[in-house]
Amino acid sequence: MGYNGVVEIRETDHFSSWLKSLKDMRSKARILYAITKCERASRMVGDIKAVGGVHEIRLHFGPGYRLYYAQHGKTLVWLLAGGDKSTQSRDIKLAKRLAKEFAEG
């Protein structure tokens, strides 16, 4: 039988700042809805790709938004960083660094 526990999703300060900085309110609402879907499903859902120690949720609207996260144990997910296709390389490096900092505690 699979794990059916509740997943808690937390945001880093960096992720929260990025989300607050978005000017497009419709895109912001769609990003929040994507996060809510994950919370309701008790797991991360969507177009997800592993990118070297962290995961990327690819959102197919606007400039191609990306949400980067790391899972710790079975019940905790940290939203590390966000960006779009144009900042993807930089955002992945940042997400990896933040994930390493959280892992080291």
PDB file of N, CA and C in Angstrom:
ATOM      1  N   MET A   1       0.854  -1.178   0.000  1.00  0.00           N
ATOM      2  CA  MET A   1       0.000   0.000   0.000  1.00  0.00           C
ATOM      3  C   MET A   1       0.896   1.237   0.000  1.00  0.00           C
ATOM      4  N   GLY A   2       0.554   2.238  -0.792  1.00  0.00           N
ATOM      5  CA  GLY A   2       1.346   3.458  -0.897  1.00  0.00           C
ATOM      6  C   GLY A   2       1.161   4.373   0.289  1.00  0.00           C
ATOM      7  N   TYR A   3       2.003   5.374   0.350  1.00  0.00           N
ATOM      8  CA  TYR A   3       1.951   6.362   1.423  1.00  0.00           C
ATOM      9  C   TYR A   3       0.828   7.349   1.149  1.00  0.00           C
ATOM     10  N   ASN A   4      -0.041   7.556   2.125  1.00  0.00           N
ATOM     11  CA  ASN A   4      -1.183   8.454   1.960  1.00  0.00           C
ATOM     12  C   ASN A   4      -1.171   9.597   2.960  1.00  0.00           C
ATOM     13  N   GLY A   5      -0.009   9.977   3.458  1.00  0.00           N
ATOM     14  CA  GLY A   5       0.077  11.042   4.449  1.00  0.00           C
ATOM     15  C   GLY A   5      -0.115  12.415   3.842  1.00  0.00           C
ATOM     16  N   VAL A   6      -0.253  13.372   4.691  1.00  0.00           N
ATOM     17  CA  VAL A   6      -0.429  14.755   4.271  1.00  0.00           C
ATOM     18  C   VAL A   6       0.937  15.378   4.012  1.00  0.00           C
ATOM     19  N   VAL A   7       1.064  16.068   2.906  1.00  0.00           N
ATOM     20  CA  VAL A   7       2.297  16.774   2.582  1.00  0.00           C
ATOM     21  C   VAL A   7       2.133  18.229   2.991  1.00  0.00           C
ATOM     22  N   GLU A   8       3.084  18.715   3.750  1.00  0.00           N
ATOM     23  CA  GLU A   8       3.102  20.131   4.134  1.00  0.00           C
ATOM     24  C   GLU A   8       4.012  20.868   3.163  1.00  0.00           C
ATOM     25  N   ILE A   9       3.498  21.926   2.569  1.00  0.00           N
ATOM     26  CA  ILE A   9       4.276  22.716   1.619  1.00  0.00           C
ATOM     27  C   ILE A   9       4.621  24.046   2.271  1.00  0.00           C
ATOM     28  N   ARG A  10       5.919  24.320   2.358  1.00  0.00           N
ATOM     29  CA  ARG A  10       6.402  25.585   2.927  1.00  0.00           C
ATOM     30  C   ARG A  10       7.156  26.360   1.855  1.00  0.00           C
ATOM     31  N   GLU A  11       7.177  27.659   2.014  1.00  0.00           N
ATOM     32  CA  GLU A  11       7.887  28.530   1.078  1.00  0.00           C
ATOM     33  C   GLU A  11       9.117  29.129   1.743  1.00  0.00           C
ATOM     34  N   THR A  12      10.211  29.182   0.995  1.00  0.00           N
ATOM     35  CA  THR A  12      11.364  29.938   1.474  1.00  0.00           C
ATOM     36  C   THR A  12      11.050  31.421   1.317  1.00  0.00           C
ATOM     37  N   ASP A  13      11.805  32.255   2.015  1.00  0.00           N
ATOM     38  CA  ASP A  13      11.649  33.702   1.850  1.00  0.00           C
ATOM     39  C   ASP A  13      11.888  34.103   0.396  1.00  0.00           C
ATOM     40  N   HIS A  14      12.851  33.439  -0.233  1.00  0.00           N
ATOM     41  CA  HIS A  14      13.166  33.752  -1.626  1.00  0.00           C
ATOM     42  C   HIS A  14      11.963  33.464  -2.522  1.00  0.00           C
ATOM     43  N   PHE A  15      11.322  32.311  -2.338  1.00  0.00           N
ATOM     44  CA  PHE A  15      10.152  31.980  -3.154  1.00  0.00           C
ATOM     45  C   PHE A  15       9.023  32.973  -2.902  1.00  0.00           C
ATOM     46  N   SER A  16       8.763  33.271  -1.642  1.00  0.00           N
ATOM     47  CA  SER A  16       7.687  34.216  -1.303  1.00  0.00           C
ATOM     48  C   SER A  16       7.928  35.581  -1.939  1.00  0.00           C
ATOM     49  N   SER A  17       9.168  36.053  -1.896  1.00  0.00           N
ATOM     50  CA  SER A  17       9.505  37.350  -2.498  1.00  0.00           C
ATOM     51  C   SER A  17       9.292  37.327  -4.005  1.00  0.00           C
ATOM     52  N   TRP A  18       9.708  36.241  -4.639  1.00  0.00           N
ATOM     53  CA  TRP A  18       9.514  36.122  -6.083  1.00  0.00           C
ATOM     54  C   TRP A  18       8.024  36.164  -6.428  1.00  0.00           C
ATOM     55  N   LEU A  19       7.233  35.392  -5.705  1.00  0.00           N
ATOM     56  CA  LEU A  19       5.800  35.335  -5.987  1.00  0.00           C
ATOM     57  C   LEU A  19       5.144  36.701  -5.789  1.00  0.00           C
ATOM     58  N   LYS A  20       5.511  37.383  -4.708  1.00  0.00           N
ATOM     59  CA  LYS A  20       4.952  38.713  -4.443  1.00  0.00           C
ATOM     60  C   LYS A  20       5.360  39.723  -5.513  1.00  0.00           C
ATOM     61  N   SER A  21       6.510  39.522  -6.131  1.00  0.00           N
ATOM     62  CA  SER A  21       7.010  40.480  -7.123  1.00  0.00           C
ATOM     63  C   SER A  21       6.318  40.364  -8.481  1.00  0.00           C
ATOM     64  N   LEU A  22       5.578  39.300  -8.700  1.00  0.00           N
ATOM     65  CA  LEU A  22       4.917  39.128  -9.995  1.00  0.00           C
ATOM     66  C   LEU A  22       3.850  40.193 -10.197  1.00  0.00           C
ATOM     67  N   LYS A  23       3.905  40.834 -11.326  1.00  0.00           N
ATOM     68  CA  LYS A  23       2.949  41.905 -11.640  1.00  0.00           C
ATOM     69  C   LYS A  23       1.659  41.362 -12.256  1.00  0.00           C
ATOM     70  N   ASP A  24       1.757  40.244 -12.952  1.00  0.00           N
ATOM     71  CA  ASP A  24       0.607  39.653 -13.639  1.00  0.00           C
ATOM     72  C   ASP A  24      -0.253  38.898 -12.623  1.00  0.00           C
ATOM     73  N   MET A  25      -1.327  39.515 -12.202  1.00  0.00           N
ATOM     74  CA  MET A  25      -2.183  38.938 -11.161  1.00  0.00           C
ATOM     75  C   MET A  25      -2.839  37.634 -11.610  1.00  0.00           C
ATOM     76  N   ARG A  26      -3.162  37.529 -12.882  1.00  0.00           N
ATOM     77  CA  ARG A  26      -3.768  36.288 -13.373  1.00  0.00           C
ATOM     78  C   ARG A  26      -2.770  35.130 -13.275  1.00  0.00           C
ATOM     79  N   SER A  27      -1.534  35.373 -13.676  1.00  0.00           N
ATOM     80  CA  SER A  27      -0.509  34.327 -13.570  1.00  0.00           C
ATOM     81  C   SER A  27      -0.243  33.980 -12.115  1.00  0.00           C
ATOM     82  N   LYS A  28      -0.190  34.989 -11.251  1.00  0.00           N
ATOM     83  CA  LYS A  28       0.018  34.735  -9.825  1.00  0.00           C
ATOM     84  C   LYS A  28      -1.096  33.837  -9.286  1.00  0.00           C
ATOM     85  N   ALA A  29      -2.329  34.114  -9.664  1.00  0.00           N
ATOM     86  CA  ALA A  29      -3.461  33.292  -9.217  1.00  0.00           C
ATOM     87  C   ALA A  29      -3.331  31.866  -9.734  1.00  0.00           C
ATOM     88  N   ARG A  30      -2.885  31.702 -10.958  1.00  0.00           N
ATOM     89  CA  ARG A  30      -2.714  30.356 -11.518  1.00  0.00           C
ATOM     90  C   ARG A  30      -1.583  29.604 -10.818  1.00  0.00           C
ATOM     91  N   ILE A  31      -0.524  30.301 -10.441  1.00  0.00           N
ATOM     92  CA  ILE A  31       0.569  29.671  -9.698  1.00  0.00           C
ATOM     93  C   ILE A  31       0.071  29.229  -8.324  1.00  0.00           C
ATOM     94  N   LEU A  32      -0.658  30.095  -7.644  1.00  0.00           N
ATOM     95  CA  LEU A  32      -1.215  29.733  -6.335  1.00  0.00           C
ATOM     96  C   LEU A  32      -2.173  28.552  -6.455  1.00  0.00           C
ATOM     97  N   TYR A  33      -2.936  28.498  -7.535  1.00  0.00           N
ATOM     98  CA  TYR A  33      -3.840  27.373  -7.755  1.00  0.00           C
ATOM     99  C   TYR A  33      -3.044  26.077  -7.944  1.00  0.00           C
ATOM    100  N   ALA A  34      -1.934  26.131  -8.673  1.00  0.00           N
ATOM    101  CA  ALA A  34      -1.090  24.948  -8.866  1.00  0.00           C
ATOM    102  C   ALA A  34      -0.556  24.444  -7.526  1.00  0.00           C
ATOM    103  N   ILE A  35      -0.168  25.360  -6.648  1.00  0.00           N
ATOM    104  CA  ILE A  35       0.313  24.975  -5.315  1.00  0.00           C
ATOM    105  C   ILE A  35      -0.828  24.370  -4.507  1.00  0.00           C
ATOM    106  N   THR A  36      -2.007  24.965  -4.584  1.00  0.00           N
ATOM    107  CA  THR A  36      -3.174  24.453  -3.867  1.00  0.00           C
ATOM    108  C   THR A  36      -3.521  23.043  -4.332  1.00  0.00           C
ATOM    109  N   LYS A  37      -3.414  22.778  -5.634  1.00  0.00           N
ATOM    110  CA  LYS A  37      -3.687  21.429  -6.143  1.00  0.00           C
ATOM    111  C   LYS A  37      -2.738  20.416  -5.511  1.00  0.00           C
ATOM    112  N   CYS A  38      -1.486  20.790  -5.342  1.00  0.00           N
ATOM    113  CA  CYS A  38      -0.512  19.896  -4.707  1.00  0.00           C
ATOM    114  C   CYS A  38      -0.889  19.647  -3.253  1.00  0.00           C
ATOM    115  N   GLU A  39      -1.276  20.703  -2.554  1.00  0.00           N
ATOM    116  CA  GLU A  39      -1.673  20.558  -1.151  1.00  0.00           C
ATOM    117  C   GLU A  39      -2.876  19.636  -1.026  1.00  0.00           C
ATOM    118  N   ARG A  40      -3.856  19.803  -1.890  1.00  0.00           N
ATOM    119  CA  ARG A  40      -5.070  18.974  -1.833  1.00  0.00           C
ATOM    120  C   ARG A  40      -4.790  17.525  -2.192  1.00  0.00           C
ATOM    121  N   ALA A  41      -3.851  17.304  -3.105  1.00  0.00           N
ATOM    122  CA  ALA A  41      -3.498  15.945  -3.511  1.00  0.00           C
ATOM    123  C   ALA A  41      -2.547  15.282  -2.522  1.00  0.00           C
ATOM    124  N   SER A  42      -2.011  16.063  -1.583  1.00  0.00           N
ATOM    125  CA  SER A  42      -1.010  15.589  -0.616  1.00  0.00           C
ATOM    126  C   SER A  42       0.233  15.042  -1.303  1.00  0.00           C
ATOM    127  N   ARG A  43       0.531  15.611  -2.457  1.00  0.00           N
ATOM    128  CA  ARG A  43       1.760  15.277  -3.183  1.00  0.00           C
ATOM    129  C   ARG A  43       1.956  16.331  -4.258  1.00  0.00           C
ATOM    130  N   MET A  44       3.146  16.399  -4.783  1.00  0.00           N
ATOM    131  CA  MET A  44       3.420  17.346  -5.852  1.00  0.00           C
ATOM    132  C   MET A  44       2.860  16.769  -7.149  1.00  0.00           C
ATOM    133  N   VAL A  45       2.112  17.580  -7.879  1.00  0.00           N
ATOM    134  CA  VAL A  45       1.477  17.131  -9.116  1.00  0.00           C
ATOM    135  C   VAL A  45       1.752  18.131 -10.232  1.00  0.00           C
ATOM    136  N   GLY A  46       1.655  17.662 -11.453  1.00  0.00           N
ATOM    137  CA  GLY A  46       1.847  18.530 -12.603  1.00  0.00           C
ATOM    138  C   GLY A  46       2.966  18.023 -13.487  1.00  0.00           C
ATOM    139  N   ASP A  47       3.459  18.880 -14.340  1.00  0.00           N
ATOM    140  CA  ASP A  47       4.555  18.569 -15.253  1.00  0.00           C
ATOM    141  C   ASP A  47       5.853  18.780 -14.478  1.00  0.00           C
ATOM    142  N   ILE A  48       6.348  17.685 -13.895  1.00  0.00           N
ATOM    143  CA  ILE A  48       7.489  17.750 -12.973  1.00  0.00           C
ATOM    144  C   ILE A  48       8.704  17.081 -13.603  1.00  0.00           C
ATOM    145  N   LYS A  49       9.850  17.715 -13.417  1.00  0.00           N
ATOM    146  CA  LYS A  49      11.107  17.190 -13.940  1.00  0.00           C
ATOM    147  C   LYS A  49      12.174  17.318 -12.858  1.00  0.00           C
ATOM    148  N   ALA A  50      12.949  16.251 -12.663  1.00  0.00           N
ATOM    149  CA  ALA A  50      14.089  16.310 -11.742  1.00  0.00           C
ATOM    150  C   ALA A  50      15.211  17.076 -12.437  1.00  0.00           C
ATOM    151  N   VAL A  51      15.812  18.009 -11.703  1.00  0.00           N
ATOM    152  CA  VAL A  51      16.913  18.803 -12.265  1.00  0.00           C
ATOM    153  C   VAL A  51      18.074  18.831 -11.276  1.00  0.00           C
ATOM    154  N   GLY A  52      18.720  17.682 -11.107  1.00  0.00           N
ATOM    155  CA  GLY A  52      19.930  17.611 -10.310  1.00  0.00           C
ATOM    156  C   GLY A  52      19.772  17.891  -8.836  1.00  0.00           C
ATOM    157  N   GLY A  53      18.950  17.118  -8.162  1.00  0.00           N
ATOM    158  CA  GLY A  53      18.813  17.256  -6.713  1.00  0.00           C
ATOM    159  C   GLY A  53      17.608  18.061  -6.272  1.00  0.00           C
ATOM    160  N   VAL A  54      17.005  18.793  -7.179  1.00  0.00           N
ATOM    161  CA  VAL A  54      15.752  19.499  -6.900  1.00  0.00           C
ATOM    162  C   VAL A  54      14.774  19.130  -8.017  1.00  0.00           C
ATOM    163  N   HIS A  55      13.550  19.565  -7.854  1.00  0.00           N
ATOM    164  CA  HIS A  55      12.533  19.294  -8.868  1.00  0.00           C
ATOM    165  C   HIS A  55      11.960  20.600  -9.392  1.00  0.00           C
ATOM    166  N   GLU A  56      11.525  20.547 -10.631  1.00  0.00           N
ATOM    167  CA  GLU A  56      10.976  21.706 -11.321  1.00  0.00           C
ATOM    168  C   GLU A  56       9.548  21.372 -11.748  1.00  0.00           C
ATOM    169  N   ILE A  57       8.601  22.209 -11.349  1.00  0.00           N
ATOM    170  CA  ILE A  57       7.242  22.107 -11.871  1.00  0.00           C
ATOM    171  C   ILE A  57       7.153  23.115 -13.007  1.00  0.00           C
ATOM    172  N   ARG A  58       6.853  22.621 -14.187  1.00  0.00           N
ATOM    173  CA  ARG A  58       6.757  23.485 -15.364  1.00  0.00           C
ATOM    174  C   ARG A  58       5.298  23.870 -15.581  1.00  0.00           C
ATOM    175  N   LEU A  59       5.049  25.153 -15.581  1.00  0.00           N
ATOM    176  CA  LEU A  59       3.698  25.670 -15.781  1.00  0.00           C
ATOM    177  C   LEU A  59       3.618  26.253 -17.188  1.00  0.00           C
ATOM    178  N   HIS A  60       2.665  25.801 -17.946  1.00  0.00           N
ATOM    179  CA  HIS A  60       2.591  26.130 -19.366  1.00  0.00           C
ATOM    180  C   HIS A  60       1.652  27.304 -19.634  1.00  0.00           C
ATOM    181  N   PHE A  61       2.021  28.442 -19.070  1.00  0.00           N
ATOM    182  CA  PHE A  61       1.313  29.691 -19.351  1.00  0.00           C
ATOM    183  C   PHE A  61       2.280  30.838 -19.105  1.00  0.00           C
ATOM    184  N   GLY A  62       1.897  32.017 -19.564  1.00  0.00           N
ATOM    185  CA  GLY A  62       2.783  33.174 -19.417  1.00  0.00           C
ATOM    186  C   GLY A  62       4.118  32.896 -20.083  1.00  0.00           C
ATOM    187  N   PRO A  63       5.209  33.327 -19.457  1.00  0.00           N
ATOM    188  CA  PRO A  63       6.534  33.126 -20.043  1.00  0.00           C
ATOM    189  C   PRO A  63       7.113  31.735 -19.755  1.00  0.00           C
ATOM    190  N   GLY A  64       6.262  30.795 -19.310  1.00  0.00           N
ATOM    191  CA  GLY A  64       6.751  29.456 -18.973  1.00  0.00           C
ATOM    192  C   GLY A  64       7.272  29.420 -17.556  1.00  0.00           C
ATOM    193  N   TYR A  65       6.391  29.685 -16.606  1.00  0.00           N
ATOM    194  CA  TYR A  65       6.797  29.747 -15.199  1.00  0.00           C
ATOM    195  C   TYR A  65       7.329  28.408 -14.724  1.00  0.00           C
ATOM    196  N   ARG A  66       8.282  28.475 -13.789  1.00  0.00           N
ATOM    197  CA  ARG A  66       8.892  27.301 -13.178  1.00  0.00           C
ATOM    198  C   ARG A  66       8.876  27.482 -11.667  1.00  0.00           C
ATOM    199  N   LEU A  67       8.530  26.407 -10.948  1.00  0.00           N
ATOM    200  CA  LEU A  67       8.590  26.385  -9.486  1.00  0.00           C
ATOM    201  C   LEU A  67       9.582  25.303  -9.107  1.00  0.00           C
ATOM    202  N   TYR A  68      10.536  25.635  -8.256  1.00  0.00           N
ATOM    203  CA  TYR A  68      11.578  24.691  -7.863  1.00  0.00           C
ATOM    204  C   TYR A  68      11.373  24.290  -6.412  1.00  0.00           C
ATOM    205  N   TYR A  69      11.453  22.975  -6.159  1.00  0.00           N
ATOM    206  CA  TYR A  69      11.211  22.494  -4.805  1.00  0.00           C
ATOM    207  C   TYR A  69      12.125  21.330  -4.470  1.00  0.00           C
ATOM    208  N   ALA A  70      12.232  21.078  -3.172  1.00  0.00           N
ATOM    209  CA  ALA A  70      12.941  19.910  -2.654  1.00  0.00           C
ATOM    210  C   ALA A  70      12.042  19.271  -1.615  1.00  0.00           C
ATOM    211  N   GLN A  71      12.013  17.961  -1.615  1.00  0.00           N
ATOM    212  CA  GLN A  71      11.206  17.236  -0.635  1.00  0.00           C
ATOM    213  C   GLN A  71      12.127  16.694   0.443  1.00  0.00           C
ATOM    214  N   HIS A  72      11.704  16.873   1.688  1.00  0.00           N
ATOM    215  CA  HIS A  72      12.454  16.378   2.840  1.00  0.00           C
ATOM    216  C   HIS A  72      11.576  15.371   3.558  1.00  0.00           C
ATOM    217  N   GLY A  73      11.993  14.112   3.519  1.00  0.00           N
ATOM    218  CA  GLY A  73      11.168  13.061   4.091  1.00  0.00           C
ATOM    219  C   GLY A  73       9.918  12.870   3.241  1.00  0.00           C
ATOM    220  N   LYS A  74       8.912  12.267   3.850  1.00  0.00           N
ATOM    221  CA  LYS A  74       7.683  11.987   3.108  1.00  0.00           C
ATOM    222  C   LYS A  74       6.649  13.086   3.228  1.00  0.00           C
ATOM    223  N   THR A  75       6.830  14.005   4.171  1.00  0.00           N
ATOM    224  CA  THR A  75       5.729  14.923   4.454  1.00  0.00           C
ATOM    225  C   THR A  75       6.053  16.407   4.335  1.00  0.00           C
ATOM    226  N   LEU A  76       7.260  16.773   3.970  1.00  0.00           N
ATOM    227  CA  LEU A  76       7.617  18.193   3.911  1.00  0.00           C
ATOM    228  C   LEU A  76       8.215  18.540   2.552  1.00  0.00           C
ATOM    229  N   VAL A  77       7.654  19.559   1.927  1.00  0.00           N
ATOM    230  CA  VAL A  77       8.157  20.069   0.655  1.00  0.00           C
ATOM    231  C   VAL A  77       8.487  21.544   0.841  1.00  0.00           C
ATOM    232  N   TRP A  78       9.680  21.937   0.409  1.00  0.00           N
ATOM    233  CA  TRP A  78      10.082  23.349   0.435  1.00  0.00           C
ATOM    234  C   TRP A  78      10.028  23.901  -0.977  1.00  0.00           C
ATOM    235  N   LEU A  79       9.206  24.927  -1.197  1.00  0.00           N
ATOM    236  CA  LEU A  79       9.248  25.680  -2.448  1.00  0.00           C
ATOM    237  C   LEU A  79      10.440  26.618  -2.332  1.00  0.00           C
ATOM    238  N   LEU A  80      11.452  26.377  -3.136  1.00  0.00           N
ATOM    239  CA  LEU A  80      12.734  27.061  -2.997  1.00  0.00           C
ATOM    240  C   LEU A  80      12.815  28.356  -3.794  1.00  0.00           C
ATOM    241  N   ALA A  81      12.420  28.282  -5.044  1.00  0.00           N
ATOM    242  CA  ALA A  81      12.585  29.422  -5.946  1.00  0.00           C
ATOM    243  C   ALA A  81      11.558  29.332  -7.057  1.00  0.00           C
ATOM    244  N   GLY A  82      11.379  30.433  -7.736  1.00  0.00           N
ATOM    245  CA  GLY A  82      10.491  30.471  -8.889  1.00  0.00           C
ATOM    246  C   GLY A  82      11.115  31.327  -9.961  1.00  0.00           C
ATOM    247  N   GLY A  83      10.653  31.139 -11.159  1.00  0.00           N
ATOM    248  CA  GLY A  83      11.155  31.923 -12.273  1.00  0.00           C
ATOM    249  C   GLY A  83      10.401  31.561 -13.526  1.00  0.00           C
ATOM    250  N   ASP A  84      11.035  31.804 -14.658  1.00  0.00           N
ATOM    251  CA  ASP A  84      10.424  31.422 -15.923  1.00  0.00           C
ATOM    252  C   ASP A  84      11.512  30.878 -16.837  1.00  0.00           C
ATOM    253  N   LYS A  85      11.115  30.502 -18.020  1.00  0.00           N
ATOM    254  CA  LYS A  85      12.045  29.860 -18.942  1.00  0.00           C
ATOM    255  C   LYS A  85      13.294  30.711 -19.181  1.00  0.00           C
ATOM    256  N   SER A  86      13.152  32.026 -19.196  1.00  0.00           N
ATOM    257  CA  SER A  86      14.295  32.897 -19.496  1.00  0.00           C
ATOM    258  C   SER A  86      15.329  32.938 -18.375  1.00  0.00           C
ATOM    259  N   THR A  87      14.938  32.606 -17.154  1.00  0.00           N
ATOM    260  CA  THR A  87      15.866  32.644 -16.013  1.00  0.00           C
ATOM    261  C   THR A  87      16.147  31.242 -15.468  1.00  0.00           C
ATOM    262  N   GLN A  88      15.791  30.228 -16.237  1.00  0.00           N
ATOM    263  CA  GLN A  88      15.831  28.848 -15.770  1.00  0.00           C
ATOM    264  C   GLN A  88      17.194  28.413 -15.232  1.00  0.00           C
ATOM    265  N   SER A  89      18.264  28.648 -15.963  1.00  0.00           N
ATOM    266  CA  SER A  89      19.596  28.198 -15.519  1.00  0.00           C
ATOM    267  C   SER A  89      19.973  28.824 -14.187  1.00  0.00           C
ATOM    268  N   ARG A  90      19.782  30.119 -14.065  1.00  0.00           N
ATOM    269  CA  ARG A  90      20.090  30.824 -12.816  1.00  0.00           C
ATOM    270  C   ARG A  90      19.202  30.318 -11.676  1.00  0.00           C
ATOM    271  N   ASP A  91      17.924  30.103 -11.960  1.00  0.00           N
ATOM    272  CA  ASP A  91      16.987  29.658 -10.926  1.00  0.00           C
ATOM    273  C   ASP A  91      17.316  28.257 -10.426  1.00  0.00           C
ATOM    274  N   ILE A  92      17.734  27.377 -11.325  1.00  0.00           N
ATOM    275  CA  ILE A  92      18.107  26.017 -10.919  1.00  0.00           C
ATOM    276  C   ILE A  92      19.325  26.066 -10.002  1.00  0.00           C
ATOM    277  N   LYS A  93      20.322  26.867 -10.339  1.00  0.00           N
ATOM    278  CA  LYS A  93      21.509  26.998  -9.480  1.00  0.00           C
ATOM    279  C   LYS A  93      21.120  27.503  -8.098  1.00  0.00           C
ATOM    280  N   LEU A  94      20.250  28.505  -8.053  1.00  0.00           N
ATOM    281  CA  LEU A  94      19.786  29.038  -6.774  1.00  0.00           C
ATOM    282  C   LEU A  94      19.035  27.973  -5.988  1.00  0.00           C
ATOM    283  N   ALA A  95      18.138  27.252  -6.643  1.00  0.00           N
ATOM    284  CA  ALA A  95      17.353  26.221  -5.958  1.00  0.00           C
ATOM    285  C   ALA A  95      18.261  25.134  -5.386  1.00  0.00           C
ATOM    286  N   LYS A  96      19.269  24.733  -6.132  1.00  0.00           N
ATOM    287  CA  LYS A  96      20.213  23.722  -5.640  1.00  0.00           C
ATOM    288  C   LYS A  96      20.956  24.231  -4.409  1.00  0.00           C
ATOM    289  N   ARG A  97      21.385  25.486  -4.457  1.00  0.00           N
ATOM    290  CA  ARG A  97      22.097  26.065  -3.303  1.00  0.00           C
ATOM    291  C   ARG A  97      21.184  26.114  -2.085  1.00  0.00           C
ATOM    292  N   LEU A  98      19.944  26.561  -2.268  1.00  0.00           N
ATOM    293  CA  LEU A  98      19.001  26.634  -1.148  1.00  0.00           C
ATOM    294  C   LEU A  98      18.682  25.249  -0.599  1.00  0.00           C
ATOM    295  N   ALA A  99      18.522  24.269  -1.481  1.00  0.00           N
ATOM    296  CA  ALA A  99      18.247  22.898  -1.033  1.00  0.00           C
ATOM    297  C   ALA A  99      19.406  22.365  -0.202  1.00  0.00           C
ATOM    298  N   LYS A 100      20.623  22.661  -0.623  1.00  0.00           N
ATOM    299  CA  LYS A 100      21.808  22.218   0.123  1.00  0.00           C
ATOM    300  C   LYS A 100      21.838  22.869   1.503  1.00  0.00           C
ATOM    301  N   GLU A 101      21.519  24.164   1.571  1.00  0.00           N
ATOM    302  CA  GLU A 101      21.488  24.857   2.862  1.00  0.00           C
ATOM    303  C   GLU A 101      20.459  24.233   3.801  1.00  0.00           C
ATOM    304  N   PHE A 102      19.282  23.893   3.277  1.00  0.00           N
ATOM    305  CA  PHE A 102      18.258  23.268   4.114  1.00  0.00           C
ATOM    306  C   PHE A 102      18.686  21.880   4.569  1.00  0.00           C
ATOM    307  N   ALA A 103      19.331  21.128   3.682  1.00  0.00           N
ATOM    308  CA  ALA A 103      19.769  19.775   4.026  1.00  0.00           C
ATOM    309  C   ALA A 103      20.839  19.796   5.110  1.00  0.00           C
ATOM    310  N   GLU A 104      21.691  20.821   5.082  1.00  0.00           N
ATOM    311  CA  GLU A 104      22.765  20.931   6.070  1.00  0.00           C
ATOM    312  C   GLU A 104      22.256  21.488   7.387  1.00  0.00           C
ATOM    313  N   GLY A 105      21.064  22.059   7.344  1.00  0.00           N
ATOM    314  CA  GLY A 105      20.371  22.452   8.527  1.00  0.00           C
ATOM    315  C   GLY A 105      20.624  23.693   9.205  1.00  0.00           C
TER     316      GLY A 105
END
